[in-house]
Amino acid sequence: MNNKKFNPYKRSHEQSSVQDVLGKMIQGYNLDKGIDKVNVREAWIRLLGPGIATYTLQVELRKSTLFVALTSDVLREELSYGLDKIIKMINEDLGKEIVTKIILR
């Protein structure tokens, strides 16, 4: 692992795509966790659909646990039966294992 501090002013002497440069900046400034929080929230809405999104008050990622606040007790009960499948869907959508547990409130 490289212990050098990220220097945004250091010029790279090779050609890089914008995606590569942004990726290096995100890693250099330790923004991965914040980006993951946003991506998980968007994945929840996209994967579970607009019907469930209307009953969702809050989606918050803390460490590897996803906290979801719902307005419907019936929906909370129904979703509790498929939590493992939802975790798998979200992680596959994001391409890495971010969520290990979901708590429905």
PDB file of N, CA and C in Angstrom:
ATOM      1  N   MET A   1       0.838  -1.180   0.000  1.00  0.00           N
ATOM      2  CA  MET A   1       0.000   0.000   0.000  1.00  0.00           C
ATOM      3  C   MET A   1       0.882   1.241   0.000  1.00  0.00           C
ATOM      4  N   ASN A   2       0.467   2.214  -0.715  1.00  0.00           N
ATOM      5  CA  ASN A   2       1.230   3.435  -0.867  1.00  0.00           C
ATOM      6  C   ASN A   2       0.886   4.405   0.268  1.00  0.00           C
ATOM      7  N   ASN A   3       1.879   4.829   1.039  1.00  0.00           N
ATOM      8  CA  ASN A   3       1.649   5.726   2.170  1.00  0.00           C
ATOM      9  C   ASN A   3       1.777   7.194   1.797  1.00  0.00           C
ATOM     10  N   LYS A   4       2.038   7.483   0.520  1.00  0.00           N
ATOM     11  CA  LYS A   4       2.165   8.873   0.113  1.00  0.00           C
ATOM     12  C   LYS A   4       0.812   9.561   0.179  1.00  0.00           C
ATOM     13  N   LYS A   5       0.842  10.798   0.600  1.00  0.00           N
ATOM     14  CA  LYS A   5      -0.372  11.591   0.665  1.00  0.00           C
ATOM     15  C   LYS A   5      -0.785  12.007  -0.751  1.00  0.00           C
ATOM     16  N   PHE A   6      -2.073  12.022  -1.004  1.00  0.00           N
ATOM     17  CA  PHE A   6      -2.591  12.394  -2.319  1.00  0.00           C
ATOM     18  C   PHE A   6      -2.295  13.863  -2.588  1.00  0.00           C
ATOM     19  N   ASN A   7      -1.739  14.136  -3.745  1.00  0.00           N
ATOM     20  CA  ASN A   7      -1.426  15.497  -4.142  1.00  0.00           C
ATOM     21  C   ASN A   7      -2.208  15.823  -5.418  1.00  0.00           C
ATOM     22  N   PRO A   8      -3.253  16.651  -5.311  1.00  0.00           N
ATOM     23  CA  PRO A   8      -4.067  16.935  -6.494  1.00  0.00           C
ATOM     24  C   PRO A   8      -3.325  17.797  -7.517  1.00  0.00           C
ATOM     25  N   TYR A   9      -2.216  18.398  -7.135  1.00  0.00           N
ATOM     26  CA  TYR A   9      -1.487  19.282  -8.033  1.00  0.00           C
ATOM     27  C   TYR A   9      -0.366  18.565  -8.787  1.00  0.00           C
ATOM     28  N   LYS A  10      -0.110  17.314  -8.428  1.00  0.00           N
ATOM     29  CA  LYS A  10       0.935  16.559  -9.106  1.00  0.00           C
ATOM     30  C   LYS A  10       0.455  16.184 -10.494  1.00  0.00           C
ATOM     31  N   ARG A  11       1.231  16.501 -11.460  1.00  0.00           N
ATOM     32  CA  ARG A  11       0.872  16.248 -12.860  1.00  0.00           C
ATOM     33  C   ARG A  11       1.277  14.835 -13.247  1.00  0.00           C
ATOM     34  N   SER A  12       0.342  14.145 -13.889  1.00  0.00           N
ATOM     35  CA  SER A  12       0.622  12.821 -14.413  1.00  0.00           C
ATOM     36  C   SER A  12       1.221  12.988 -15.808  1.00  0.00           C
ATOM     37  N   HIS A  13       2.228  12.225 -16.118  1.00  0.00           N
ATOM     38  CA  HIS A  13       2.900  12.356 -17.404  1.00  0.00           C
ATOM     39  C   HIS A  13       2.342  11.392 -18.449  1.00  0.00           C
ATOM     40  N   GLU A  14       1.215  10.811 -18.170  1.00  0.00           N
ATOM     41  CA  GLU A  14       0.584   9.905 -19.121  1.00  0.00           C
ATOM     42  C   GLU A  14      -0.831  10.382 -19.414  1.00  0.00           C
ATOM     43  N   GLN A  15      -1.335   9.968 -20.551  1.00  0.00           N
ATOM     44  CA  GLN A  15      -2.702  10.341 -20.882  1.00  0.00           C
ATOM     45  C   GLN A  15      -3.661   9.516 -20.044  1.00  0.00           C
ATOM     46  N   SER A  16      -4.690  10.167 -19.545  1.00  0.00           N
ATOM     47  CA  SER A  16      -5.696   9.493 -18.726  1.00  0.00           C
ATOM     48  C   SER A  16      -7.071   9.973 -19.144  1.00  0.00           C
ATOM     49  N   SER A  17      -8.035   9.082 -19.000  1.00  0.00           N
ATOM     50  CA  SER A  17      -9.409   9.481 -19.293  1.00  0.00           C
ATOM     51  C   SER A  17      -9.962  10.252 -18.098  1.00  0.00           C
ATOM     52  N   VAL A  18     -11.038  10.945 -18.322  1.00  0.00           N
ATOM     53  CA  VAL A  18     -11.680  11.707 -17.243  1.00  0.00           C
ATOM     54  C   VAL A  18     -12.118  10.747 -16.140  1.00  0.00           C
ATOM     55  N   GLN A  19     -12.613   9.589 -16.522  1.00  0.00           N
ATOM     56  CA  GLN A  19     -13.054   8.599 -15.538  1.00  0.00           C
ATOM     57  C   GLN A  19     -11.893   8.166 -14.642  1.00  0.00           C
ATOM     58  N   ASP A  20     -10.717   7.927 -15.231  1.00  0.00           N
ATOM     59  CA  ASP A  20      -9.553   7.539 -14.435  1.00  0.00           C
ATOM     60  C   ASP A  20      -9.126   8.647 -13.474  1.00  0.00           C
ATOM     61  N   VAL A  21      -9.126   9.871 -13.966  1.00  0.00           N
ATOM     62  CA  VAL A  21      -8.723  11.013 -13.133  1.00  0.00           C
ATOM     63  C   VAL A  21      -9.695  11.194 -11.973  1.00  0.00           C
ATOM     64  N   LEU A  22     -11.004  11.116 -12.265  1.00  0.00           N
ATOM     65  CA  LEU A  22     -11.998  11.250 -11.186  1.00  0.00           C
ATOM     66  C   LEU A  22     -11.876  10.112 -10.188  1.00  0.00           C
ATOM     67  N   GLY A  23     -11.626   8.910 -10.671  1.00  0.00           N
ATOM     68  CA  GLY A  23     -11.437   7.764  -9.781  1.00  0.00           C
ATOM     69  C   GLY A  23     -10.266   7.971  -8.838  1.00  0.00           C
ATOM     70  N   LYS A  24      -9.160   8.498  -9.372  1.00  0.00           N
ATOM     71  CA  LYS A  24      -7.984   8.772  -8.529  1.00  0.00           C
ATOM     72  C   LYS A  24      -8.285   9.866  -7.505  1.00  0.00           C
ATOM     73  N   MET A  25      -9.038  10.874  -7.917  1.00  0.00           N
ATOM     74  CA  MET A  25      -9.390  11.946  -6.982  1.00  0.00           C
ATOM     75  C   MET A  25     -10.306  11.436  -5.872  1.00  0.00           C
ATOM     76  N   ILE A  26     -11.285  10.608  -6.236  1.00  0.00           N
ATOM     77  CA  ILE A  26     -12.207  10.061  -5.235  1.00  0.00           C
ATOM     78  C   ILE A  26     -11.435   9.235  -4.218  1.00  0.00           C
ATOM     79  N   GLN A  27     -10.519   8.399  -4.689  1.00  0.00           N
ATOM     80  CA  GLN A  27      -9.709   7.598  -3.764  1.00  0.00           C
ATOM     81  C   GLN A  27      -8.758   8.481  -2.966  1.00  0.00           C
ATOM     82  N   GLY A  28      -8.153   9.457  -3.619  1.00  0.00           N
ATOM     83  CA  GLY A  28      -7.182  10.326  -2.947  1.00  0.00           C
ATOM     84  C   GLY A  28      -7.781  11.151  -1.834  1.00  0.00           C
ATOM     85  N   TYR A  29      -9.005  11.607  -2.035  1.00  0.00           N
ATOM     86  CA  TYR A  29      -9.683  12.422  -1.021  1.00  0.00           C
ATOM     87  C   TYR A  29     -10.585  11.590  -0.106  1.00  0.00           C
ATOM     88  N   ASN A  30     -10.507  10.266  -0.210  1.00  0.00           N
ATOM     89  CA  ASN A  30     -11.301   9.343   0.621  1.00  0.00           C
ATOM     90  C   ASN A  30     -12.799   9.633   0.534  1.00  0.00           C
ATOM     91  N   LEU A  31     -13.281   9.800  -0.662  1.00  0.00           N
ATOM     92  CA  LEU A  31     -14.705  10.074  -0.876  1.00  0.00           C
ATOM     93  C   LEU A  31     -15.502   8.810  -1.190  1.00  0.00           C
ATOM     94  N   ASP A  32     -14.861   7.652  -1.157  1.00  0.00           N
ATOM     95  CA  ASP A  32     -15.521   6.395  -1.508  1.00  0.00           C
ATOM     96  C   ASP A  32     -16.774   6.141  -0.675  1.00  0.00           C
ATOM     97  N   LYS A  33     -16.669   6.346   0.618  1.00  0.00           N
ATOM     98  CA  LYS A  33     -17.805   6.043   1.501  1.00  0.00           C
ATOM     99  C   LYS A  33     -18.997   6.947   1.221  1.00  0.00           C
ATOM    100  N   GLY A  34     -18.754   8.220   0.967  1.00  0.00           N
ATOM    101  CA  GLY A  34     -19.835   9.151   0.652  1.00  0.00           C
ATOM    102  C   GLY A  34     -20.493   8.819  -0.675  1.00  0.00           C
ATOM    103  N   ILE A  35     -19.692   8.447  -1.653  1.00  0.00           N
ATOM    104  CA  ILE A  35     -20.224   8.049  -2.963  1.00  0.00           C
ATOM    105  C   ILE A  35     -21.051   6.778  -2.801  1.00  0.00           C
ATOM    106  N   ASP A  36     -20.569   5.832  -1.989  1.00  0.00           N
ATOM    107  CA  ASP A  36     -21.309   4.589  -1.755  1.00  0.00           C
ATOM    108  C   ASP A  36     -22.672   4.856  -1.122  1.00  0.00           C
ATOM    109  N   LYS A  37     -22.732   5.803  -0.191  1.00  0.00           N
ATOM    110  CA  LYS A  37     -24.007   6.136   0.452  1.00  0.00           C
ATOM    111  C   LYS A  37     -25.024   6.631  -0.564  1.00  0.00           C
ATOM    112  N   VAL A  38     -24.586   7.482  -1.465  1.00  0.00           N
ATOM    113  CA  VAL A  38     -25.476   8.008  -2.503  1.00  0.00           C
ATOM    114  C   VAL A  38     -25.878   6.900  -3.467  1.00  0.00           C
ATOM    115  N   ASN A  39     -24.917   6.073  -3.870  1.00  0.00           N
ATOM    116  CA  ASN A  39     -25.202   5.000  -4.817  1.00  0.00           C
ATOM    117  C   ASN A  39     -26.166   3.966  -4.244  1.00  0.00           C
ATOM    118  N   VAL A  40     -26.034   3.657  -2.952  1.00  0.00           N
ATOM    119  CA  VAL A  40     -26.944   2.686  -2.320  1.00  0.00           C
ATOM    120  C   VAL A  40     -28.358   3.247  -2.274  1.00  0.00           C
ATOM    121  N   ARG A  41     -28.497   4.522  -1.961  1.00  0.00           N
ATOM    122  CA  ARG A  41     -29.817   5.160  -1.916  1.00  0.00           C
ATOM    123  C   ARG A  41     -30.477   5.117  -3.298  1.00  0.00           C
ATOM    124  N   GLU A  42     -29.707   5.434  -4.324  1.00  0.00           N
ATOM    125  CA  GLU A  42     -30.240   5.403  -5.685  1.00  0.00           C
ATOM    126  C   GLU A  42     -30.572   3.974  -6.120  1.00  0.00           C
ATOM    127  N   ALA A  43     -29.737   3.010  -5.729  1.00  0.00           N
ATOM    128  CA  ALA A  43     -29.983   1.609  -6.085  1.00  0.00           C
ATOM    129  C   ALA A  43     -31.261   1.097  -5.432  1.00  0.00           C
ATOM    130  N   TRP A  44     -31.521   1.482  -4.185  1.00  0.00           N
ATOM    131  CA  TRP A  44     -32.749   1.074  -3.494  1.00  0.00           C
ATOM    132  C   TRP A  44     -33.974   1.517  -4.288  1.00  0.00           C
ATOM    133  N   ILE A  45     -33.995   2.759  -4.689  1.00  0.00           N
ATOM    134  CA  ILE A  45     -35.138   3.300  -5.421  1.00  0.00           C
ATOM    135  C   ILE A  45     -35.256   2.659  -6.801  1.00  0.00           C
ATOM    136  N   ARG A  46     -34.137   2.505  -7.491  1.00  0.00           N
ATOM    137  CA  ARG A  46     -34.147   1.951  -8.842  1.00  0.00           C
ATOM    138  C   ARG A  46     -34.541   0.467  -8.846  1.00  0.00           C
ATOM    139  N   LEU A  47     -33.989  -0.321  -7.926  1.00  0.00           N
ATOM    140  CA  LEU A  47     -34.208  -1.762  -7.935  1.00  0.00           C
ATOM    141  C   LEU A  47     -35.574  -2.163  -7.378  1.00  0.00           C
ATOM    142  N   LEU A  48     -36.051  -1.455  -6.373  1.00  0.00           N
ATOM    143  CA  LEU A  48     -37.320  -1.829  -5.765  1.00  0.00           C
ATOM    144  C   LEU A  48     -38.510  -1.127  -6.406  1.00  0.00           C
ATOM    145  N   GLY A  49     -38.247  -0.146  -7.224  1.00  0.00           N
ATOM    146  CA  GLY A  49     -39.304   0.470  -8.017  1.00  0.00           C
ATOM    147  C   GLY A  49     -39.984   1.647  -7.355  1.00  0.00           C
ATOM    148  N   PRO A  50     -40.773   2.364  -8.158  1.00  0.00           N
ATOM    149  CA  PRO A  50     -41.438   3.568  -7.660  1.00  0.00           C
ATOM    150  C   PRO A  50     -42.521   3.275  -6.620  1.00  0.00           C
ATOM    151  N   GLY A  51     -43.123   2.097  -6.669  1.00  0.00           N
ATOM    152  CA  GLY A  51     -44.159   1.746  -5.692  1.00  0.00           C
ATOM    153  C   GLY A  51     -43.619   1.720  -4.278  1.00  0.00           C
ATOM    154  N   ILE A  52     -42.487   1.073  -4.103  1.00  0.00           N
ATOM    155  CA  ILE A  52     -41.865   0.994  -2.777  1.00  0.00           C
ATOM    156  C   ILE A  52     -41.202   2.323  -2.421  1.00  0.00           C
ATOM    157  N   ALA A  53     -40.700   3.020  -3.418  1.00  0.00           N
ATOM    158  CA  ALA A  53     -40.057   4.316  -3.173  1.00  0.00           C
ATOM    159  C   ALA A  53     -41.028   5.322  -2.565  1.00  0.00           C
ATOM    160  N   THR A  54     -42.319   5.230  -2.922  1.00  0.00           N
ATOM    161  CA  THR A  54     -43.295   6.165  -2.356  1.00  0.00           C
ATOM    162  C   THR A  54     -43.521   5.922  -0.867  1.00  0.00           C
ATOM    163  N   TYR A  55     -43.288   4.705  -0.409  1.00  0.00           N
ATOM    164  CA  TYR A  55     -43.442   4.375   1.013  1.00  0.00           C
ATOM    165  C   TYR A  55     -42.124   4.487   1.780  1.00  0.00           C
ATOM    166  N   THR A  56     -41.048   4.848   1.097  1.00  0.00           N
ATOM    167  CA  THR A  56     -39.733   4.952   1.723  1.00  0.00           C
ATOM    168  C   THR A  56     -39.485   6.382   2.169  1.00  0.00           C
ATOM    169  N   LEU A  57     -39.245   6.559   3.461  1.00  0.00           N
ATOM    170  CA  LEU A  57     -38.947   7.884   4.007  1.00  0.00           C
ATOM    171  C   LEU A  57     -37.462   8.195   3.955  1.00  0.00           C
ATOM    172  N   GLN A  58     -36.642   7.207   4.339  1.00  0.00           N
ATOM    173  CA  GLN A  58     -35.220   7.451   4.479  1.00  0.00           C
ATOM    174  C   GLN A  58     -34.440   6.173   4.185  1.00  0.00           C
ATOM    175  N   VAL A  59     -33.343   6.310   3.464  1.00  0.00           N
ATOM    176  CA  VAL A  59     -32.412   5.209   3.206  1.00  0.00           C
ATOM    177  C   VAL A  59     -31.037   5.717   3.608  1.00  0.00           C
ATOM    178  N   GLU A  60     -30.448   5.076   4.612  1.00  0.00           N
ATOM    179  CA  GLU A  60     -29.172   5.555   5.142  1.00  0.00           C
ATOM    180  C   GLU A  60     -28.212   4.389   5.332  1.00  0.00           C
ATOM    181  N   LEU A  61     -27.013   4.530   4.820  1.00  0.00           N
ATOM    182  CA  LEU A  61     -25.976   3.512   4.963  1.00  0.00           C
ATOM    183  C   LEU A  61     -25.023   3.943   6.067  1.00  0.00           C
ATOM    184  N   ARG A  62     -24.895   3.083   7.083  1.00  0.00           N
ATOM    185  CA  ARG A  62     -23.932   3.310   8.163  1.00  0.00           C
ATOM    186  C   ARG A  62     -23.041   2.085   8.233  1.00  0.00           C
ATOM    187  N   LYS A  63     -21.758   2.309   7.964  1.00  0.00           N
ATOM    188  CA  LYS A  63     -20.781   1.224   7.827  1.00  0.00           C
ATOM    189  C   LYS A  63     -21.291   0.288   6.743  1.00  0.00           C
ATOM    190  N   SER A  64     -21.677  -0.926   7.062  1.00  0.00           N
ATOM    191  CA  SER A  64     -22.185  -1.839   6.031  1.00  0.00           C
ATOM    192  C   SER A  64     -23.655  -2.195   6.277  1.00  0.00           C
ATOM    193  N   THR A  65     -24.326  -1.454   7.151  1.00  0.00           N
ATOM    194  CA  THR A  65     -25.733  -1.700   7.461  1.00  0.00           C
ATOM    195  C   THR A  65     -26.588  -0.627   6.803  1.00  0.00           C
ATOM    196  N   LEU A  66     -27.632  -1.080   6.116  1.00  0.00           N
ATOM    197  CA  LEU A  66     -28.559  -0.165   5.446  1.00  0.00           C
ATOM    198  C   LEU A  66     -29.802  -0.016   6.310  1.00  0.00           C
ATOM    199  N   PHE A  67     -30.086   1.203   6.743  1.00  0.00           N
ATOM    200  CA  PHE A  67     -31.272   1.504   7.535  1.00  0.00           C
ATOM    201  C   PHE A  67     -32.312   2.117   6.608  1.00  0.00           C
ATOM    202  N   VAL A  68     -33.504   1.516   6.585  1.00  0.00           N
ATOM    203  CA  VAL A  68     -34.564   1.982   5.699  1.00  0.00           C
ATOM    204  C   VAL A  68     -35.802   2.271   6.537  1.00  0.00           C
ATOM    205  N   ALA A  69     -36.278   3.508   6.478  1.00  0.00           N
ATOM    206  CA  ALA A  69     -37.495   3.908   7.188  1.00  0.00           C
ATOM    207  C   ALA A  69     -38.658   3.847   6.201  1.00  0.00           C
ATOM    208  N   LEU A  70     -39.679   3.091   6.562  1.00  0.00           N
ATOM    209  CA  LEU A  70     -40.856   2.913   5.707  1.00  0.00           C
ATOM    210  C   LEU A  70     -42.103   3.432   6.412  1.00  0.00           C
ATOM    211  N   THR A  71     -43.084   3.885   5.627  1.00  0.00           N
ATOM    212  CA  THR A  71     -44.327   4.386   6.206  1.00  0.00           C
ATOM    213  C   THR A  71     -45.380   3.306   6.341  1.00  0.00           C
ATOM    214  N   SER A  72     -45.184   2.154   5.737  1.00  0.00           N
ATOM    215  CA  SER A  72     -46.186   1.085   5.739  1.00  0.00           C
ATOM    216  C   SER A  72     -45.688  -0.121   6.532  1.00  0.00           C
ATOM    217  N   ASP A  73     -46.449  -0.494   7.559  1.00  0.00           N
ATOM    218  CA  ASP A  73     -46.111  -1.677   8.351  1.00  0.00           C
ATOM    219  C   ASP A  73     -46.246  -2.949   7.520  1.00  0.00           C
ATOM    220  N   VAL A  74     -47.239  -2.997   6.659  1.00  0.00           N
ATOM    221  CA  VAL A  74     -47.470  -4.171   5.810  1.00  0.00           C
ATOM    222  C   VAL A  74     -46.286  -4.357   4.854  1.00  0.00           C
ATOM    223  N   LEU A  75     -45.843  -3.279   4.241  1.00  0.00           N
ATOM    224  CA  LEU A  75     -44.700  -3.351   3.328  1.00  0.00           C
ATOM    225  C   LEU A  75     -43.438  -3.762   4.069  1.00  0.00           C
ATOM    226  N   ARG A  76     -43.243  -3.245   5.260  1.00  0.00           N
ATOM    227  CA  ARG A  76     -42.079  -3.609   6.076  1.00  0.00           C
ATOM    228  C   ARG A  76     -42.075  -5.114   6.333  1.00  0.00           C
ATOM    229  N   GLU A  77     -43.231  -5.660   6.654  1.00  0.00           N
ATOM    230  CA  GLU A  77     -43.346  -7.100   6.907  1.00  0.00           C
ATOM    231  C   GLU A  77     -43.046  -7.905   5.639  1.00  0.00           C
ATOM    232  N   GLU A  78     -43.587  -7.473   4.505  1.00  0.00           N
ATOM    233  CA  GLU A  78     -43.360  -8.171   3.232  1.00  0.00           C
ATOM    234  C   GLU A  78     -41.884  -8.130   2.834  1.00  0.00           C
ATOM    235  N   LEU A  79     -41.253  -6.983   2.971  1.00  0.00           N
ATOM    236  CA  LEU A  79     -39.844  -6.858   2.592  1.00  0.00           C
ATOM    237  C   LEU A  79     -38.933  -7.651   3.519  1.00  0.00           C
ATOM    238  N   SER A  80     -39.347  -7.833   4.765  1.00  0.00           N
ATOM    239  CA  SER A  80     -38.504  -8.553   5.716  1.00  0.00           C
ATOM    240  C   SER A  80     -38.288 -10.013   5.301  1.00  0.00           C
ATOM    241  N   TYR A  81     -39.187 -10.562   4.493  1.00  0.00           N
ATOM    242  CA  TYR A  81     -39.032 -11.944   4.040  1.00  0.00           C
ATOM    243  C   TYR A  81     -37.963 -12.076   2.957  1.00  0.00           C
ATOM    244  N   GLY A  82     -37.630 -11.001   2.270  1.00  0.00           N
ATOM    245  CA  GLY A  82     -36.677 -11.080   1.171  1.00  0.00           C
ATOM    246  C   GLY A  82     -35.436 -10.232   1.357  1.00  0.00           C
ATOM    247  N   LEU A  83     -35.011 -10.013   2.582  1.00  0.00           N
ATOM    248  CA  LEU A  83     -33.861  -9.141   2.837  1.00  0.00           C
ATOM    249  C   LEU A  83     -32.576  -9.660   2.201  1.00  0.00           C
ATOM    250  N   ASP A  84     -32.359 -10.973   2.252  1.00  0.00           N
ATOM    251  CA  ASP A  84     -31.140 -11.532   1.662  1.00  0.00           C
ATOM    252  C   ASP A  84     -31.098 -11.282   0.157  1.00  0.00           C
ATOM    253  N   LYS A  85     -32.244 -11.423  -0.482  1.00  0.00           N
ATOM    254  CA  LYS A  85     -32.323 -11.194  -1.928  1.00  0.00           C
ATOM    255  C   LYS A  85     -32.087  -9.710  -2.255  1.00  0.00           C
ATOM    256  N   ILE A  86     -32.641  -8.821  -1.447  1.00  0.00           N
ATOM    257  CA  ILE A  86     -32.455  -7.375  -1.656  1.00  0.00           C
ATOM    258  C   ILE A  86     -30.984  -7.000  -1.492  1.00  0.00           C
ATOM    259  N   ILE A  87     -30.323  -7.546  -0.467  1.00  0.00           N
ATOM    260  CA  ILE A  87     -28.897  -7.279  -0.240  1.00  0.00           C
ATOM    261  C   ILE A  87     -28.091  -7.737  -1.451  1.00  0.00           C
ATOM    262  N   LYS A  88     -28.399  -8.931  -1.935  1.00  0.00           N
ATOM    263  CA  LYS A  88     -27.687  -9.467  -3.095  1.00  0.00           C
ATOM    264  C   LYS A  88     -27.908  -8.590  -4.332  1.00  0.00           C
ATOM    265  N   MET A  89     -29.144  -8.145  -4.552  1.00  0.00           N
ATOM    266  CA  MET A  89     -29.461  -7.300  -5.706  1.00  0.00           C
ATOM    267  C   MET A  89     -28.700  -5.972  -5.649  1.00  0.00           C
ATOM    268  N   ILE A  90     -28.680  -5.344  -4.487  1.00  0.00           N
ATOM    269  CA  ILE A  90     -28.005  -4.046  -4.337  1.00  0.00           C
ATOM    270  C   ILE A  90     -26.503  -4.200  -4.566  1.00  0.00           C
ATOM    271  N   ASN A  91     -25.901  -5.211  -3.951  1.00  0.00           N
ATOM    272  CA  ASN A  91     -24.462  -5.416  -4.097  1.00  0.00           C
ATOM    273  C   ASN A  91     -24.084  -5.745  -5.540  1.00  0.00           C
ATOM    274  N   GLU A  92     -24.896  -6.549  -6.216  1.00  0.00           N
ATOM    275  CA  GLU A  92     -24.625  -6.868  -7.623  1.00  0.00           C
ATOM    276  C   GLU A  92     -24.763  -5.621  -8.493  1.00  0.00           C
ATOM    277  N   ASP A  93     -25.752  -4.790  -8.196  1.00  0.00           N
ATOM    278  CA  ASP A  93     -25.960  -3.566  -8.971  1.00  0.00           C
ATOM    279  C   ASP A  93     -24.787  -2.613  -8.826  1.00  0.00           C
ATOM    280  N   LEU A  94     -24.225  -2.538  -7.624  1.00  0.00           N
ATOM    281  CA  LEU A  94     -23.117  -1.620  -7.359  1.00  0.00           C
ATOM    282  C   LEU A  94     -21.759  -2.222  -7.712  1.00  0.00           C
ATOM    283  N   GLY A  95     -21.713  -3.525  -7.922  1.00  0.00           N
ATOM    284  CA  GLY A  95     -20.469  -4.165  -8.331  1.00  0.00           C
ATOM    285  C   GLY A  95     -19.483  -4.442  -7.212  1.00  0.00           C
ATOM    286  N   LYS A  96     -19.896  -4.253  -5.991  1.00  0.00           N
ATOM    287  CA  LYS A  96     -19.049  -4.573  -4.841  1.00  0.00           C
ATOM    288  C   LYS A  96     -19.939  -4.792  -3.632  1.00  0.00           C
ATOM    289  N   GLU A  97     -19.376  -5.480  -2.629  1.00  0.00           N
ATOM    290  CA  GLU A  97     -20.171  -5.782  -1.440  1.00  0.00           C
ATOM    291  C   GLU A  97     -20.108  -4.619  -0.468  1.00  0.00           C
ATOM    292  N   ILE A  98     -21.175  -3.858  -0.470  1.00  0.00           N
ATOM    293  CA  ILE A  98     -21.268  -2.687   0.400  1.00  0.00           C
ATOM    294  C   ILE A  98     -22.214  -2.971   1.555  1.00  0.00           C
ATOM    295  N   VAL A  99     -23.361  -3.570   1.254  1.00  0.00           N
ATOM    296  CA  VAL A  99     -24.404  -3.827   2.246  1.00  0.00           C
ATOM    297  C   VAL A  99     -24.306  -5.270   2.722  1.00  0.00           C
ATOM    298  N   THR A 100     -24.232  -5.461   4.043  1.00  0.00           N
ATOM    299  CA  THR A 100     -24.246  -6.807   4.612  1.00  0.00           C
ATOM    300  C   THR A 100     -25.508  -7.063   5.438  1.00  0.00           C
ATOM    301  N   LYS A 101     -26.196  -5.989   5.806  1.00  0.00           N
ATOM    302  CA  LYS A 101     -27.385  -6.129   6.652  1.00  0.00           C
ATOM    303  C   LYS A 101     -28.348  -4.987   6.358  1.00  0.00           C
ATOM    304  N   ILE A 102     -29.646  -5.285   6.401  1.00  0.00           N
ATOM    305  CA  ILE A 102     -30.671  -4.264   6.226  1.00  0.00           C
ATOM    306  C   ILE A 102     -31.565  -4.268   7.450  1.00  0.00           C
ATOM    307  N   ILE A 103     -31.804  -3.072   7.998  1.00  0.00           N
ATOM    308  CA  ILE A 103     -32.724  -2.911   9.115  1.00  0.00           C
ATOM    309  C   ILE A 103     -33.876  -2.044   8.632  1.00  0.00           C
ATOM    310  N   LEU A 104     -35.081  -2.611   8.685  1.00  0.00           N
ATOM    311  CA  LEU A 104     -36.291  -1.883   8.279  1.00  0.00           C
ATOM    312  C   LEU A 104     -36.939  -1.265   9.508  1.00  0.00           C
ATOM    313  N   ARG A 105     -37.230   0.026   9.410  1.00  0.00           N
ATOM    314  CA  ARG A 105     -37.864   0.715  10.533  1.00  0.00           C
ATOM    315  C   ARG A 105     -39.224   1.219  10.106  1.00  0.00           C
TER     316      ARG A 105
END
